[in-house]
Amino acid sequence: MEEKPTKERYELLSEIVKVAVLGWSAALLTLSYMGFFQKMDPTFIASVFSGSLAGYGISKATESRSSKKPTIEEPTQPLKQK
């Protein structure tokens, strides 16, 4: 008797594919910069790599040129108690 695929299996498969694409693109990019692929343009692989990282919420940090110090803002509304 076959089991129907569940949501958890699809989520697991999705994570495996994302990690595989991230590892593949990181490996190709690293090998390209090490000189193993002389004729490969790393632009596409770099975009796949950054897109894979964005899927995990990781993005390139932008450096601010202003000398402002970060401030902590107080919430305008009080937090609700459960």
PDB file of N, CA and C in Angstrom:
ATOM      1  N   MET A   1       0.833  -1.171   0.000  1.00  0.00           N
ATOM      2  CA  MET A   1       0.000   0.000   0.000  1.00  0.00           C
ATOM      3  C   MET A   1       0.887   1.247   0.000  1.00  0.00           C
ATOM      4  N   GLU A   2       0.684   2.126  -0.974  1.00  0.00           N
ATOM      5  CA  GLU A   2       1.504   3.327  -1.091  1.00  0.00           C
ATOM      6  C   GLU A   2       0.970   4.418  -0.185  1.00  0.00           C
ATOM      7  N   GLU A   3       1.917   5.162   0.387  1.00  0.00           N
ATOM      8  CA  GLU A   3       1.557   6.278   1.238  1.00  0.00           C
ATOM      9  C   GLU A   3       1.491   7.541   0.394  1.00  0.00           C
ATOM     10  N   LYS A   4       0.493   8.375   0.609  1.00  0.00           N
ATOM     11  CA  LYS A   4       0.393   9.626  -0.128  1.00  0.00           C
ATOM     12  C   LYS A   4       1.457  10.591   0.384  1.00  0.00           C
ATOM     13  N   PRO A   5       2.068  11.345  -0.536  1.00  0.00           N
ATOM     14  CA  PRO A   5       3.068  12.326  -0.083  1.00  0.00           C
ATOM     15  C   PRO A   5       2.415  13.369   0.814  1.00  0.00           C
ATOM     16  N   THR A   6       3.095  13.691   1.871  1.00  0.00           N
ATOM     17  CA  THR A   6       2.564  14.672   2.803  1.00  0.00           C
ATOM     18  C   THR A   6       3.279  16.003   2.631  1.00  0.00           C
ATOM     19  N   LYS A   7       2.725  17.018   3.295  1.00  0.00           N
ATOM     20  CA  LYS A   7       3.307  18.356   3.217  1.00  0.00           C
ATOM     21  C   LYS A   7       4.734  18.357   3.750  1.00  0.00           C
ATOM     22  N   GLU A   8       4.993  17.573   4.788  1.00  0.00           N
ATOM     23  CA  GLU A   8       6.336  17.519   5.377  1.00  0.00           C
ATOM     24  C   GLU A   8       7.356  16.962   4.385  1.00  0.00           C
ATOM     25  N   ARG A   9       6.928  15.983   3.602  1.00  0.00           N
ATOM     26  CA  ARG A   9       7.855  15.417   2.606  1.00  0.00           C
ATOM     27  C   ARG A   9       8.181  16.431   1.526  1.00  0.00           C
ATOM     28  N   TYR A  10       7.175  17.193   1.106  1.00  0.00           N
ATOM     29  CA  TYR A  10       7.431  18.221   0.108  1.00  0.00           C
ATOM     30  C   TYR A  10       8.356  19.307   0.653  1.00  0.00           C
ATOM     31  N   GLU A  11       8.155  19.676   1.907  1.00  0.00           N
ATOM     32  CA  GLU A  11       9.031  20.675   2.521  1.00  0.00           C
ATOM     33  C   GLU A  11      10.457  20.158   2.637  1.00  0.00           C
ATOM     34  N   LEU A  12      10.609  18.894   3.002  1.00  0.00           N
ATOM     35  CA  LEU A  12      11.933  18.292   3.096  1.00  0.00           C
ATOM     36  C   LEU A  12      12.601  18.245   1.728  1.00  0.00           C
ATOM     37  N   LEU A  13      11.854  17.842   0.718  1.00  0.00           N
ATOM     38  CA  LEU A  13      12.395  17.806  -0.643  1.00  0.00           C
ATOM     39  C   LEU A  13      12.787  19.209  -1.106  1.00  0.00           C
ATOM     40  N   SER A  14      11.971  20.189  -0.770  1.00  0.00           N
ATOM     41  CA  SER A  14      12.275  21.575  -1.131  1.00  0.00           C
ATOM     42  C   SER A  14      13.579  22.041  -0.492  1.00  0.00           C
ATOM     43  N   GLU A  15      13.778  21.720   0.779  1.00  0.00           N
ATOM     44  CA  GLU A  15      15.010  22.109   1.468  1.00  0.00           C
ATOM     45  C   GLU A  15      16.223  21.389   0.882  1.00  0.00           C
ATOM     46  N   ILE A  16      16.061  20.128   0.544  1.00  0.00           N
ATOM     47  CA  ILE A  16      17.172  19.371  -0.051  1.00  0.00           C
ATOM     48  C   ILE A  16      17.575  19.979  -1.378  1.00  0.00           C
ATOM     49  N   VAL A  17      16.591  20.355  -2.195  1.00  0.00           N
ATOM     50  CA  VAL A  17      16.891  20.965  -3.498  1.00  0.00           C
ATOM     51  C   VAL A  17      17.577  22.315  -3.301  1.00  0.00           C
ATOM     52  N   LYS A  18      17.088  23.127  -2.351  1.00  0.00           N
ATOM     53  CA  LYS A  18      17.714  24.438  -2.121  1.00  0.00           C
ATOM     54  C   LYS A  18      19.155  24.292  -1.653  1.00  0.00           C
ATOM     55  N   VAL A  19      19.408  23.350  -0.762  1.00  0.00           N
ATOM     56  CA  VAL A  19      20.773  23.127  -0.271  1.00  0.00           C
ATOM     57  C   VAL A  19      21.665  22.590  -1.386  1.00  0.00           C
ATOM     58  N   ALA A  20      21.118  21.712  -2.224  1.00  0.00           N
ATOM     59  CA  ALA A  20      21.900  21.162  -3.340  1.00  0.00           C
ATOM     60  C   ALA A  20      22.278  22.256  -4.328  1.00  0.00           C
ATOM     61  N   VAL A  21      21.331  23.131  -4.658  1.00  0.00           N
ATOM     62  CA  VAL A  21      21.625  24.235  -5.592  1.00  0.00           C
ATOM     63  C   VAL A  21      22.627  25.192  -4.973  1.00  0.00           C
ATOM     64  N   LEU A  22      22.486  25.460  -3.687  1.00  0.00           N
ATOM     65  CA  LEU A  22      23.430  26.341  -3.003  1.00  0.00           C
ATOM     66  C   LEU A  22      24.836  25.747  -3.009  1.00  0.00           C
ATOM     67  N   GLY A  23      24.952  24.468  -2.700  1.00  0.00           N
ATOM     68  CA  GLY A  23      26.260  23.807  -2.710  1.00  0.00           C
ATOM     69  C   GLY A  23      26.866  23.730  -4.098  1.00  0.00           C
ATOM     70  N   TRP A  24      26.033  23.402  -5.095  1.00  0.00           N
ATOM     71  CA  TRP A  24      26.503  23.319  -6.479  1.00  0.00           C
ATOM     72  C   TRP A  24      27.030  24.671  -6.952  1.00  0.00           C
ATOM     73  N   SER A  25      26.261  25.726  -6.717  1.00  0.00           N
ATOM     74  CA  SER A  25      26.692  27.047  -7.181  1.00  0.00           C
ATOM     75  C   SER A  25      27.916  27.533  -6.417  1.00  0.00           C
ATOM     76  N   ALA A  26      27.992  27.239  -5.126  1.00  0.00           N
ATOM     77  CA  ALA A  26      29.169  27.639  -4.355  1.00  0.00           C
ATOM     78  C   ALA A  26      30.410  26.900  -4.842  1.00  0.00           C
ATOM     79  N   ALA A  27      30.265  25.614  -5.145  1.00  0.00           N
ATOM     80  CA  ALA A  27      31.408  24.837  -5.638  1.00  0.00           C
ATOM     81  C   ALA A  27      31.878  25.346  -6.996  1.00  0.00           C
ATOM     82  N   LEU A  28      30.937  25.581  -7.916  1.00  0.00           N
ATOM     83  CA  LEU A  28      31.336  26.080  -9.238  1.00  0.00           C
ATOM     84  C   LEU A  28      31.968  27.461  -9.149  1.00  0.00           C
ATOM     85  N   LEU A  29      31.413  28.308  -8.313  1.00  0.00           N
ATOM     86  CA  LEU A  29      31.968  29.649  -8.162  1.00  0.00           C
ATOM     87  C   LEU A  29      33.373  29.602  -7.573  1.00  0.00           C
ATOM     88  N   THR A  30      33.552  28.753  -6.578  1.00  0.00           N
ATOM     89  CA  THR A  30      34.876  28.609  -5.964  1.00  0.00           C
ATOM     90  C   THR A  30      35.886  28.058  -6.961  1.00  0.00           C
ATOM     91  N   LEU A  31      35.503  27.014  -7.695  1.00  0.00           N
ATOM     92  CA  LEU A  31      36.409  26.436  -8.691  1.00  0.00           C
ATOM     93  C   LEU A  31      36.730  27.428  -9.805  1.00  0.00           C
ATOM     94  N   SER A  32      35.753  28.246 -10.164  1.00  0.00           N
ATOM     95  CA  SER A  32      35.995  29.257 -11.196  1.00  0.00           C
ATOM     96  C   SER A  32      37.023  30.276 -10.724  1.00  0.00           C
ATOM     97  N   TYR A  33      36.881  30.746  -9.475  1.00  0.00           N
ATOM     98  CA  TYR A  33      37.828  31.728  -8.957  1.00  0.00           C
ATOM     99  C   TYR A  33      39.196  31.124  -8.680  1.00  0.00           C
ATOM    100  N   MET A  34      39.256  29.803  -8.496  1.00  0.00           N
ATOM    101  CA  MET A  34      40.546  29.146  -8.305  1.00  0.00           C
ATOM    102  C   MET A  34      41.247  28.885  -9.636  1.00  0.00           C
ATOM    103  N   GLY A  35      40.551  29.096 -10.748  1.00  0.00           N
ATOM    104  CA  GLY A  35      41.174  28.956 -12.053  1.00  0.00           C
ATOM    105  C   GLY A  35      40.939  27.624 -12.740  1.00  0.00           C
ATOM    106  N   PHE A  36      40.058  26.780 -12.208  1.00  0.00           N
ATOM    107  CA  PHE A  36      39.813  25.487 -12.830  1.00  0.00           C
ATOM    108  C   PHE A  36      38.952  25.601 -14.092  1.00  0.00           C
ATOM    109  N   PHE A  37      38.089  26.617 -14.137  1.00  0.00           N
ATOM    110  CA  PHE A  37      37.261  26.853 -15.318  1.00  0.00           C
ATOM    111  C   PHE A  37      37.704  28.168 -15.950  1.00  0.00           C
ATOM    112  N   GLN A  38      38.590  28.081 -16.915  1.00  0.00           N
ATOM    113  CA  GLN A  38      39.154  29.281 -17.511  1.00  0.00           C
ATOM    114  C   GLN A  38      38.145  30.063 -18.350  1.00  0.00           C
ATOM    115  N   LYS A  39      37.257  29.354 -19.040  1.00  0.00           N
ATOM    116  CA  LYS A  39      36.364  30.023 -19.984  1.00  0.00           C
ATOM    117  C   LYS A  39      34.954  30.234 -19.438  1.00  0.00           C
ATOM    118  N   MET A  40      34.738  29.937 -18.171  1.00  0.00           N
ATOM    119  CA  MET A  40      33.400  30.095 -17.613  1.00  0.00           C
ATOM    120  C   MET A  40      33.203  31.508 -17.082  1.00  0.00           C
ATOM    121  N   ASP A  41      32.056  32.101 -17.425  1.00  0.00           N
ATOM    122  CA  ASP A  41      31.694  33.409 -16.885  1.00  0.00           C
ATOM    123  C   ASP A  41      30.955  33.179 -15.567  1.00  0.00           C
ATOM    124  N   PRO A  42      31.495  33.633 -14.454  1.00  0.00           N
ATOM    125  CA  PRO A  42      30.879  33.326 -13.159  1.00  0.00           C
ATOM    126  C   PRO A  42      29.650  34.169 -12.830  1.00  0.00           C
ATOM    127  N   THR A  43      29.237  35.059 -13.719  1.00  0.00           N
ATOM    128  CA  THR A  43      28.125  35.951 -13.418  1.00  0.00           C
ATOM    129  C   THR A  43      26.829  35.199 -13.166  1.00  0.00           C
ATOM    130  N   PHE A  44      26.498  34.243 -14.038  1.00  0.00           N
ATOM    131  CA  PHE A  44      25.257  33.485 -13.872  1.00  0.00           C
ATOM    132  C   PHE A  44      25.294  32.659 -12.594  1.00  0.00           C
ATOM    133  N   ILE A  45      26.421  31.995 -12.357  1.00  0.00           N
ATOM    134  CA  ILE A  45      26.540  31.160 -11.158  1.00  0.00           C
ATOM    135  C   ILE A  45      26.458  32.026  -9.903  1.00  0.00           C
ATOM    136  N   ALA A  46      27.037  33.215  -9.949  1.00  0.00           N
ATOM    137  CA  ALA A  46      26.965  34.121  -8.796  1.00  0.00           C
ATOM    138  C   ALA A  46      25.530  34.566  -8.542  1.00  0.00           C
ATOM    139  N   SER A  47      24.755  34.772  -9.604  1.00  0.00           N
ATOM    140  CA  SER A  47      23.359  35.165  -9.410  1.00  0.00           C
ATOM    141  C   SER A  47      22.540  34.000  -8.849  1.00  0.00           C
ATOM    142  N   VAL A  48      22.829  32.774  -9.277  1.00  0.00           N
ATOM    143  CA  VAL A  48      22.149  31.603  -8.717  1.00  0.00           C
ATOM    144  C   VAL A  48      22.521  31.452  -7.244  1.00  0.00           C
ATOM    145  N   PHE A  49      23.789  31.664  -6.931  1.00  0.00           N
ATOM    146  CA  PHE A  49      24.254  31.567  -5.551  1.00  0.00           C
ATOM    147  C   PHE A  49      23.586  32.608  -4.670  1.00  0.00           C
ATOM    148  N   SER A  50      23.545  33.864  -5.118  1.00  0.00           N
ATOM    149  CA  SER A  50      22.922  34.908  -4.296  1.00  0.00           C
ATOM    150  C   SER A  50      21.413  34.699  -4.195  1.00  0.00           C
ATOM    151  N   GLY A  51      20.789  34.166  -5.239  1.00  0.00           N
ATOM    152  CA  GLY A  51      19.366  33.850  -5.161  1.00  0.00           C
ATOM    153  C   GLY A  51      19.089  32.726  -4.178  1.00  0.00           C
ATOM    154  N   SER A  52      19.980  31.748  -4.132  1.00  0.00           N
ATOM    155  CA  SER A  52      19.834  30.651  -3.171  1.00  0.00           C
ATOM    156  C   SER A  52      20.000  31.152  -1.737  1.00  0.00           C
ATOM    157  N   LEU A  53      20.949  32.037  -1.541  1.00  0.00           N
ATOM    158  CA  LEU A  53      21.126  32.616  -0.213  1.00  0.00           C
ATOM    159  C   LEU A  53      19.926  33.454   0.187  1.00  0.00           C
ATOM    160  N   ALA A  54      19.347  34.165  -0.774  1.00  0.00           N
ATOM    161  CA  ALA A  54      18.168  34.981  -0.483  1.00  0.00           C
ATOM    162  C   ALA A  54      16.993  34.110  -0.062  1.00  0.00           C
ATOM    163  N   GLY A  55      16.944  32.881  -0.550  1.00  0.00           N
ATOM    164  CA  GLY A  55      15.896  31.956  -0.139  1.00  0.00           C
ATOM    165  C   GLY A  55      15.969  31.623   1.337  1.00  0.00           C
ATOM    166  N   TYR A  56      17.141  31.784   1.926  1.00  0.00           N
ATOM    167  CA  TYR A  56      17.315  31.565   3.359  1.00  0.00           C
ATOM    168  C   TYR A  56      17.332  32.879   4.142  1.00  0.00           C
ATOM    169  N   GLY A  57      17.081  33.982   3.459  1.00  0.00           N
ATOM    170  CA  GLY A  57      17.047  35.274   4.134  1.00  0.00           C
ATOM    171  C   GLY A  57      18.403  35.904   4.331  1.00  0.00           C
ATOM    172  N   ILE A  58      19.412  35.429   3.621  1.00  0.00           N
ATOM    173  CA  ILE A  58      20.761  35.977   3.739  1.00  0.00           C
ATOM    174  C   ILE A  58      21.012  36.864   2.530  1.00  0.00           C
ATOM    175  N   SER A  59      21.402  38.105   2.780  1.00  0.00           N
ATOM    176  CA  SER A  59      21.665  39.013   1.670  1.00  0.00           C
ATOM    177  C   SER A  59      22.944  39.793   1.930  1.00  0.00           C
ATOM    178  N   LYS A  60      23.426  40.422   0.895  1.00  0.00           N
ATOM    179  CA  LYS A  60      24.648  41.206   0.976  1.00  0.00           C
ATOM    180  C   LYS A  60      24.409  42.426   1.856  1.00  0.00           C
ATOM    181  N   ALA A  61      25.317  42.660   2.768  1.00  0.00           N
ATOM    182  CA  ALA A  61      25.207  43.824   3.649  1.00  0.00           C
ATOM    183  C   ALA A  61      25.688  45.052   2.893  1.00  0.00           C
ATOM    184  N   THR A  62      24.917  46.115   2.965  1.00  0.00           N
ATOM    185  CA  THR A  62      25.339  47.357   2.325  1.00  0.00           C
ATOM    186  C   THR A  62      25.977  48.237   3.374  1.00  0.00           C
ATOM    187  N   GLU A  63      27.076  48.831   2.994  1.00  0.00           N
ATOM    188  CA  GLU A  63      27.816  49.674   3.921  1.00  0.00           C
ATOM    189  C   GLU A  63      27.294  51.093   3.810  1.00  0.00           C
ATOM    190  N   SER A  64      26.921  51.652   4.921  1.00  0.00           N
ATOM    191  CA  SER A  64      26.413  53.012   4.946  1.00  0.00           C
ATOM    192  C   SER A  64      27.583  53.980   5.048  1.00  0.00           C
ATOM    193  N   ARG A  65      27.542  55.023   4.264  1.00  0.00           N
ATOM    194  CA  ARG A  65      28.626  56.009   4.291  1.00  0.00           C
ATOM    195  C   ARG A  65      28.364  57.114   5.312  1.00  0.00           C
ATOM    196  N   SER A  66      27.184  57.148   5.865  1.00  0.00           N
ATOM    197  CA  SER A  66      26.896  58.184   6.858  1.00  0.00           C
ATOM    198  C   SER A  66      27.492  57.781   8.205  1.00  0.00           C
ATOM    199  N   SER A  67      27.693  58.755   9.048  1.00  0.00           N
ATOM    200  CA  SER A  67      28.292  58.481  10.352  1.00  0.00           C
ATOM    201  C   SER A  67      27.233  58.398  11.439  1.00  0.00           C
ATOM    202  N   LYS A  68      25.989  58.117  11.056  1.00  0.00           N
ATOM    203  CA  LYS A  68      24.921  57.999  12.046  1.00  0.00           C
ATOM    204  C   LYS A  68      25.129  56.747  12.882  1.00  0.00           C
ATOM    205  N   LYS A  69      24.849  56.887  14.151  1.00  0.00           N
ATOM    206  CA  LYS A  69      24.896  55.724  15.026  1.00  0.00           C
ATOM    207  C   LYS A  69      23.527  55.071  15.009  1.00  0.00           C
ATOM    208  N   PRO A  70      23.482  53.745  15.070  1.00  0.00           N
ATOM    209  CA  PRO A  70      22.175  53.098  15.095  1.00  0.00           C
ATOM    210  C   PRO A  70      21.403  53.450  16.358  1.00  0.00           C
ATOM    211  N   THR A  71      20.114  53.631  16.210  1.00  0.00           N
ATOM    212  CA  THR A  71      19.277  53.951  17.359  1.00  0.00           C
ATOM    213  C   THR A  71      18.255  52.851  17.561  1.00  0.00           C
ATOM    214  N   ILE A  72      17.837  52.730  18.802  1.00  0.00           N
ATOM    215  CA  ILE A  72      16.797  51.765  19.136  1.00  0.00           C
ATOM    216  C   ILE A  72      15.518  52.550  19.372  1.00  0.00           C
ATOM    217  N   GLU A  73      14.501  52.229  18.596  1.00  0.00           N
ATOM    218  CA  GLU A  73      13.244  52.935  18.729  1.00  0.00           C
ATOM    219  C   GLU A  73      12.306  52.150  19.630  1.00  0.00           C
ATOM    220  N   GLU A  74      11.604  52.884  20.471  1.00  0.00           N
ATOM    221  CA  GLU A  74      10.615  52.274  21.346  1.00  0.00           C
ATOM    222  C   GLU A  74       9.350  52.005  20.532  1.00  0.00           C
ATOM    223  N   PRO A  75       8.665  50.913  20.816  1.00  0.00           N
ATOM    224  CA  PRO A  75       7.420  50.647  20.098  1.00  0.00           C
ATOM    225  C   PRO A  75       6.373  51.701  20.436  1.00  0.00           C
ATOM    226  N   THR A  76       5.556  52.067  19.440  1.00  0.00           N
ATOM    227  CA  THR A  76       4.540  53.091  19.657  1.00  0.00           C
ATOM    228  C   THR A  76       3.346  52.538  20.407  1.00  0.00           C
ATOM    229  N   GLN A  77       3.126  51.233  20.305  1.00  0.00           N
ATOM    230  CA  GLN A  77       2.013  50.603  21.006  1.00  0.00           C
ATOM    231  C   GLN A  77       2.573  49.563  21.974  1.00  0.00           C
ATOM    232  N   PRO A  78       1.968  49.458  23.148  1.00  0.00           N
ATOM    233  CA  PRO A  78       2.463  48.444  24.090  1.00  0.00           C
ATOM    234  C   PRO A  78       2.209  47.045  23.556  1.00  0.00           C
ATOM    235  N   LEU A  79       3.084  46.129  23.923  1.00  0.00           N
ATOM    236  CA  LEU A  79       2.923  44.746  23.512  1.00  0.00           C
ATOM    237  C   LEU A  79       1.747  44.119  24.229  1.00  0.00           C
ATOM    238  N   LYS A  80       0.999  43.297  23.532  1.00  0.00           N
ATOM    239  CA  LYS A  80      -0.162  42.634  24.123  1.00  0.00           C
ATOM    240  C   LYS A  80       0.298  41.437  24.931  1.00  0.00           C
ATOM    241  N   GLN A  81      -0.267  41.281  26.092  1.00  0.00           N
ATOM    242  CA  GLN A  81       0.028  40.140  26.941  1.00  0.00           C
ATOM    243  C   GLN A  81      -0.893  38.995  26.580  1.00  0.00           C
ATOM    244  N   LYS A  82      -0.381  37.781  26.544  1.00  0.00           N
ATOM    245  CA  LYS A  82      -1.208  36.616  26.239  1.00  0.00           C
ATOM    246  C   LYS A  82      -1.830  36.066  27.479  1.00  0.00           C
TER     247      LYS A  82
END
